[in-house]
Every structure is written in C-alpha cells, then in structure tokens.
C-alpha cells in the first residue's frame, strides 16, 4: 500500500471507528460526532495539501 492509500485508510477509518468506540467509554454522542467530523475535515484538508505539493513538483 502506498503512502496515499495508507493516509486514506487512516483518515477515513479512524473517525468512523471513533463513532463506535468513544460512546463505549462514556463520551456523549454529540461530542463524539463533533470529534469525528472535525477529524474527517482536517484529514481531507491535509490530504488536499499533499496533492497540491505533489502536483507542483511535477
């Protein structure tokens, strides 16, 4: 798996996993959703940065 694929797996599966795991530890569902959405947004922003850097190098 290349670096991009690994980043996609981490960026997509980690927030989704948190949606199921955090409530088991007593975190409220509202807080869990805010954390998951924030992580998804930040992962997509960082992935976009990586694409721009890669495109500008070519």
Protein backbone atom coordinates (compact mmCIF):
# COMPACT_ATOMS: atom_id res chain seq x y z
CA UNK A 1 0.00 0.00 0.00
CA UNK A 2 1.40 3.39 -0.94
CA UNK A 3 1.54 6.47 1.29
CA UNK A 4 -1.64 7.94 -0.19
CA UNK A 5 -3.60 4.74 0.36
CA UNK A 6 -2.43 4.50 3.95
CA UNK A 7 -3.42 8.11 4.56
CA UNK A 8 -6.87 7.47 3.12
CA UNK A 9 -7.40 4.41 5.29
CA UNK A 10 -6.32 6.25 8.44
CA UNK A 11 -8.24 9.40 7.54
CA UNK A 12 -11.47 7.55 6.80
CA UNK A 13 -11.47 4.61 9.19
CA UNK A 14 -10.18 6.36 12.30
CA UNK A 15 -13.06 8.88 12.57
CA UNK A 16 -15.58 6.16 11.72
CA UNK A 17 -14.12 3.86 14.35
CA UNK A 18 -14.30 6.67 16.90
CA UNK A 19 -18.05 6.95 16.26
CA UNK A 20 -18.43 3.45 17.67
CA UNK A 21 -15.64 3.36 20.26
CA UNK A 22 -15.96 6.67 22.12
CA UNK A 23 -19.58 6.12 23.28
CA UNK A 24 -18.45 2.82 24.83
CA UNK A 25 -16.12 4.86 27.07
CA UNK A 26 -18.90 7.18 28.21
CA UNK A 27 -18.33 10.08 25.80
CA UNK A 28 -21.63 11.66 24.75
CA UNK A 29 -22.80 11.07 21.19
CA UNK A 30 -22.81 14.82 20.43
CA UNK A 31 -19.17 15.16 21.45
CA UNK A 32 -18.29 12.03 19.50
CA UNK A 33 -19.89 13.36 16.32
CA UNK A 34 -18.13 16.72 16.68
CA UNK A 35 -14.77 14.97 17.13
CA UNK A 36 -15.37 12.65 14.16
CA UNK A 37 -16.47 15.46 11.84
CA UNK A 38 -13.50 17.59 12.91
CA UNK A 39 -11.09 14.72 12.24
CA UNK A 40 -12.64 13.99 8.85
CA UNK A 41 -12.45 17.64 7.85
CA UNK A 42 -8.85 18.04 8.97
CA UNK A 43 -7.78 14.80 7.25
CA UNK A 44 -9.32 15.95 3.98
CA UNK A 45 -7.65 19.35 4.25
CA UNK A 46 -4.25 17.80 4.89
CA UNK A 47 -4.74 15.33 2.02
CA UNK A 48 -5.55 18.26 -0.28
CA UNK A 49 -2.31 19.93 0.76
CA UNK A 50 -0.34 16.81 -0.10
CA UNK A 51 -1.96 16.69 -3.55
CA UNK A 52 -1.05 20.31 -4.26
CA UNK A 53 2.58 19.73 -3.27
CA UNK A 54 2.77 16.64 -5.44
CA UNK A 55 1.24 18.43 -8.45
CA UNK A 56 3.59 21.41 -8.14
CA UNK A 57 6.68 19.16 -8.08
CA UNK A 58 5.86 17.55 -11.40
